[in-house]
Amino acid sequence: MSPQTLILWDVDRTLLYVGEMDRAVYRAAFLDVVGRLPTRLPERGTGRTMPLAVRELLAANDVPAQDVDEAAESIVRLLPPLLLAQKPALRSDGQLMPGAQDALEAVQAHPELVPTVVTGNLQESAAIKLAAFDLDGLVDLSVGGYASDDPHRPALVAVAQRRAGTKHNARFSRANTVIIGDSLEDVRTGAEGGAKVIAVASGTTSAEQLAAAGADRVLDNLQDQSALLAAIEALTGRDR
């Protein structure tokens, strides 16, 4: 039987949190490319894609407009190797979000669910973060949607649906695709990109804000795996 539901996990603050490491990597890449330290860094917990965050970083630190395109490309190329160099610190300085591993295992174990990611991270960066917490084996990274595919996050839903559909000989649409994420950007990604959204109030956005933004279901955390699976079932109309 082909899988019936595509599960698109967000990474940061949904599954794991790397503390100040992302900002440290932005700072180091900016210094390498621009030649000085930035005085302003990207906001935390917004869910925006890395390429867009980099462009905002450059603009906020008075890089001339005519230099932004080239500088942004250079910084984006530097982000994964700089992050990889800090891989041991990702685990020691970061944290696994409550219930994340058990939730990933519960979804992976279900024969009708295809777990992957849709994230504002570049593909290589997402893989580095997940591997640092031993989570990379619980999602199929080959069928995910990443900022390296498109800086417009809602477009990544279709990327993942197409990849997963090809691999599993199935058709994935809004009716059988679910995003699990913590930010308003995750909610927008589902609404505009074509997926239902289970929002988890584990980041910087409250449950009330996530509900008001249009999340289809809101959970306080991922610690109740039965509640998570029930929410997936309710949104996709499947009987187990």
Protein backbone atom coordinates (compact mmCIF):
# COMPACT_ATOMS: atom_id res chain seq x y z
CA MET A 1 0.00 0.00 0.00
CA SER A 2 1.42 3.42 -0.91
CA PRO A 3 1.73 5.98 1.91
CA GLN A 4 -1.26 8.25 2.29
CA THR A 5 0.03 11.26 4.19
CA LEU A 6 3.15 13.40 3.81
CA ILE A 7 4.42 14.81 7.10
CA LEU A 8 6.57 17.93 6.77
CA TRP A 9 8.51 18.63 9.95
CA ASP A 10 9.93 22.05 10.67
CA VAL A 11 13.37 21.83 12.29
CA ASP A 12 14.31 24.79 14.49
CA ARG A 13 12.33 25.16 17.73
CA THR A 14 10.00 22.36 16.65
CA LEU A 15 12.44 19.45 16.83
CA LEU A 16 15.58 21.07 18.20
CA TYR A 17 17.10 24.37 19.25
CA VAL A 18 20.73 25.27 18.63
CA GLY A 19 20.78 28.34 20.83
CA GLU A 20 22.97 31.15 19.55
CA MET A 21 24.79 28.96 17.04
CA ASP A 22 22.88 30.13 13.94
CA ARG A 23 23.53 33.74 14.86
CA ALA A 24 27.21 32.99 15.52
CA VAL A 25 27.47 31.40 12.08
CA TYR A 26 25.77 34.41 10.44
CA ARG A 27 28.21 36.66 12.26
CA ALA A 28 31.26 34.67 11.13
CA ALA A 29 30.09 34.49 7.51
CA PHE A 30 29.35 38.23 7.43
CA LEU A 31 32.81 39.00 8.80
CA ASP A 32 34.46 36.75 6.21
CA VAL A 33 32.59 38.29 3.26
CA VAL A 34 32.10 41.93 4.29
CA GLY A 35 35.24 42.34 6.37
CA ARG A 36 33.62 43.62 9.54
CA LEU A 37 31.32 42.31 12.23
CA PRO A 38 27.60 43.02 11.90
CA THR A 39 25.97 45.19 14.52
CA ARG A 40 22.48 43.77 13.89
CA LEU A 41 21.59 40.09 13.43
CA PRO A 42 18.45 38.31 12.11
CA GLU A 43 15.53 38.07 14.51
CA ARG A 44 15.11 34.81 16.39
CA GLY A 45 12.34 32.31 15.77
CA THR A 46 10.74 33.90 12.71
CA GLY A 47 10.96 30.85 10.45
CA ARG A 48 12.16 32.87 7.46
CA THR A 49 14.46 31.12 5.03
CA MET A 50 18.22 31.52 5.34
CA PRO A 51 18.67 33.31 1.98
CA LEU A 52 16.09 35.93 2.97
CA ALA A 53 17.60 36.27 6.44
CA VAL A 54 21.02 36.84 4.88
CA ARG A 55 19.70 39.60 2.63
CA GLU A 56 18.03 41.25 5.62
CA LEU A 57 21.30 40.93 7.54
CA LEU A 58 23.17 42.74 4.78
CA ALA A 59 20.60 45.50 4.45
CA ALA A 60 20.38 46.02 8.21
CA ASN A 61 24.16 46.45 8.38
CA ASP A 62 24.38 49.07 5.64
CA VAL A 63 25.91 46.96 2.89
CA PRO A 64 25.41 48.97 -0.34
CA ALA A 65 22.46 47.74 -2.38
CA GLN A 66 24.65 47.10 -5.44
CA ASP A 67 26.77 44.68 -3.39
CA VAL A 68 23.97 42.71 -1.75
CA ASP A 69 23.42 40.04 -4.41
CA GLU A 70 27.05 38.95 -4.60
CA ALA A 71 27.59 39.18 -0.83
CA ALA A 72 24.41 37.20 -0.13
CA GLU A 73 25.49 34.37 -2.45
CA SER A 74 28.91 34.23 -0.78
CA ILE A 75 27.47 34.18 2.73
CA VAL A 76 24.92 31.49 1.88
CA ARG A 77 27.72 29.28 0.52
CA LEU A 78 29.65 29.69 3.76
CA LEU A 79 26.82 28.84 6.15
CA PRO A 80 26.88 25.00 5.94
CA PRO A 81 30.66 24.56 6.33
CA LEU A 82 30.74 27.04 9.20
CA LEU A 83 27.86 25.20 10.87
CA LEU A 84 29.52 21.82 10.31
CA ALA A 85 32.65 23.08 12.06
CA GLN A 86 30.48 23.72 15.12
CA LYS A 87 28.67 20.36 15.05
CA PRO A 88 29.87 19.19 18.52
CA ALA A 89 28.67 22.45 20.05
CA LEU A 90 25.23 22.13 18.43
CA ARG A 91 24.44 19.25 20.77
CA SER A 92 26.25 20.53 23.86
CA ASP A 93 24.94 24.09 23.65
CA GLY A 94 21.57 23.28 22.09
CA GLN A 95 18.64 21.12 23.10
CA LEU A 96 16.18 18.58 21.80
CA MET A 97 12.65 19.94 22.08
CA PRO A 98 10.40 18.09 24.58
CA GLY A 99 8.91 14.97 23.04
CA ALA A 100 10.56 15.53 19.66
CA GLN A 101 12.37 12.22 19.34
CA ASP A 102 9.40 10.14 20.48
CA ALA A 103 7.12 12.08 18.14
CA LEU A 104 9.46 11.50 15.21
CA GLU A 105 9.66 7.81 16.03
CA ALA A 106 5.86 7.52 16.28
CA VAL A 107 5.38 9.13 12.88
CA GLN A 108 8.16 7.13 11.25
CA ALA A 109 6.75 3.87 12.61
CA HIS A 110 3.35 4.42 11.00
CA PRO A 111 3.24 2.68 7.61
CA GLU A 112 0.95 5.25 6.02
CA LEU A 113 2.99 8.33 6.91
CA VAL A 114 5.98 9.72 5.01
CA PRO A 115 8.08 11.88 7.35
CA THR A 116 10.40 14.51 5.90
CA VAL A 117 11.11 18.21 6.47
CA VAL A 118 10.15 21.60 5.10
CA THR A 119 12.50 24.15 6.57
CA GLY A 120 14.01 27.57 6.17
CA ASN A 121 17.40 25.90 6.50
CA LEU A 122 19.55 25.03 3.52
CA GLN A 123 19.45 21.28 2.87
CA GLU A 124 22.99 20.73 4.11
CA SER A 125 22.39 22.84 7.22
CA ALA A 126 19.22 20.93 8.07
CA ALA A 127 21.06 17.62 7.73
CA ILE A 128 23.89 18.85 9.99
CA LYS A 129 21.48 19.95 12.72
CA LEU A 130 19.41 16.78 12.64
CA ALA A 131 22.50 14.57 12.63
CA ALA A 132 23.91 16.43 15.63
CA PHE A 133 20.89 15.24 17.62
CA ASP A 134 20.75 11.77 15.99
CA LEU A 135 17.42 12.60 14.35
CA ASP A 136 18.44 12.36 10.69
CA GLY A 137 17.46 8.68 10.48
CA LEU A 138 13.88 9.47 11.50
CA VAL A 139 13.02 11.55 8.42
CA ASP A 140 13.60 11.03 4.72
CA LEU A 141 15.75 14.03 3.88
CA SER A 142 15.82 13.11 0.18
CA VAL A 143 12.19 14.19 -0.29
CA GLY A 144 12.16 17.39 1.79
CA GLY A 145 11.85 21.04 0.82
CA TYR A 146 14.69 23.40 1.72
CA ALA A 147 15.69 27.04 1.43
CA SER A 148 18.34 25.89 -1.03
CA ASP A 149 15.46 24.90 -3.34
CA ASP A 150 13.61 28.22 -3.12
CA PRO A 151 13.88 31.18 -0.72
CA HIS A 152 10.07 31.53 -0.75
CA ARG A 153 9.07 29.11 1.96
CA PRO A 154 5.50 28.28 0.79
CA ALA A 155 6.99 27.05 -2.50
CA LEU A 156 8.83 24.33 -0.59
CA VAL A 157 5.61 22.41 0.08
CA ALA A 158 5.20 21.64 -3.62
CA VAL A 159 8.89 20.71 -3.84
CA ALA A 160 8.46 18.10 -1.11
CA GLN A 161 5.15 16.87 -2.50
CA ARG A 162 6.70 16.34 -5.91
CA ARG A 163 9.76 14.56 -4.56
CA ALA A 164 7.78 12.33 -2.24
CA GLY A 165 5.19 11.63 -4.91
CA THR A 166 7.87 10.49 -7.34
CA LYS A 167 9.56 8.26 -4.77
CA HIS A 168 6.36 6.67 -3.46
CA ASN A 169 4.29 6.69 -6.65
CA ALA A 170 1.63 8.71 -4.86
CA ARG A 171 -0.08 12.08 -5.21
CA PHE A 172 0.34 14.48 -2.32
CA SER A 173 -1.84 17.57 -2.02
CA ARG A 174 -3.31 19.76 0.72
CA ALA A 175 -5.70 16.91 1.54
CA ASN A 176 -2.90 14.57 2.61
CA THR A 177 0.01 16.83 3.54
CA VAL A 178 0.60 18.10 7.08
CA ILE A 179 3.19 20.59 8.30
CA ILE A 180 4.26 20.37 11.94
CA GLY A 181 5.93 23.61 13.01
CA ASP A 182 6.18 26.29 15.66
CA SER A 183 6.09 29.66 13.89
CA LEU A 184 3.70 31.97 12.09
CA GLU A 185 5.80 31.29 9.00
CA ASP A 186 4.95 27.58 9.28
CA VAL A 187 1.25 28.48 9.35
CA ARG A 188 1.65 30.76 6.32
CA THR A 189 3.64 28.11 4.51
CA GLY A 190 0.80 25.64 4.87
CA ALA A 191 -1.93 28.11 3.95
CA GLU A 192 -0.16 29.41 0.86
CA GLY A 193 1.79 26.31 -0.09
CA GLY A 194 -0.89 23.64 0.16
CA ALA A 195 -0.76 21.77 3.47
CA LYS A 196 -2.66 21.43 6.71
CA VAL A 197 -0.78 22.77 9.75
CA ILE A 198 -0.31 21.34 13.22
CA ALA A 199 1.30 24.17 15.15
CA VAL A 200 3.38 23.44 18.24
CA ALA A 201 3.78 26.23 20.79
CA SER A 202 7.41 25.33 21.47
CA GLY A 203 9.01 28.40 19.93
CA THR A 204 8.58 32.13 20.34
CA THR A 205 4.93 32.18 19.25
CA SER A 206 2.11 31.42 21.68
CA ALA A 207 -0.63 28.85 21.15
CA GLU A 208 -3.15 31.69 20.93
CA GLN A 209 -1.16 33.47 18.23
CA LEU A 210 -0.75 30.28 16.23
CA ALA A 211 -4.49 29.56 16.41
CA ALA A 212 -5.36 33.13 15.43
CA ALA A 213 -3.05 32.87 12.42
CA GLY A 214 -5.05 29.92 11.11
CA ALA A 215 -3.27 26.77 12.29
CA ASP A 216 -5.57 23.77 11.83
CA ARG A 217 -4.53 22.27 15.17
CA VAL A 218 -2.38 23.63 18.00
CA LEU A 219 -0.42 21.53 20.48
CA ASP A 220 1.48 22.83 23.50
CA ASN A 221 4.39 20.46 22.75
CA LEU A 222 5.18 17.09 21.20
CA GLN A 223 5.12 15.06 24.40
CA ASP A 224 1.76 13.39 23.73
CA GLN A 225 2.36 11.23 20.67
CA SER A 226 -1.19 9.90 20.71
CA ALA A 227 -2.53 13.44 20.47
CA LEU A 228 -0.20 14.18 17.57
CA LEU A 229 -1.24 11.09 15.61
CA ALA A 230 -4.90 11.82 16.36
CA ALA A 231 -4.48 15.35 15.02
CA ILE A 232 -2.90 14.01 11.82
CA GLU A 233 -5.76 11.56 11.42
CA ALA A 234 -8.40 14.23 12.02
CA LEU A 235 -6.87 16.58 9.45
CA THR A 236 -6.41 13.97 6.73
CA GLY A 237 -9.61 11.99 7.31
CA ARG A 238 -7.95 8.61 7.47
CA ASP A 239 -9.02 5.61 9.48
CA ARG A 240 -6.26 3.62 11.08
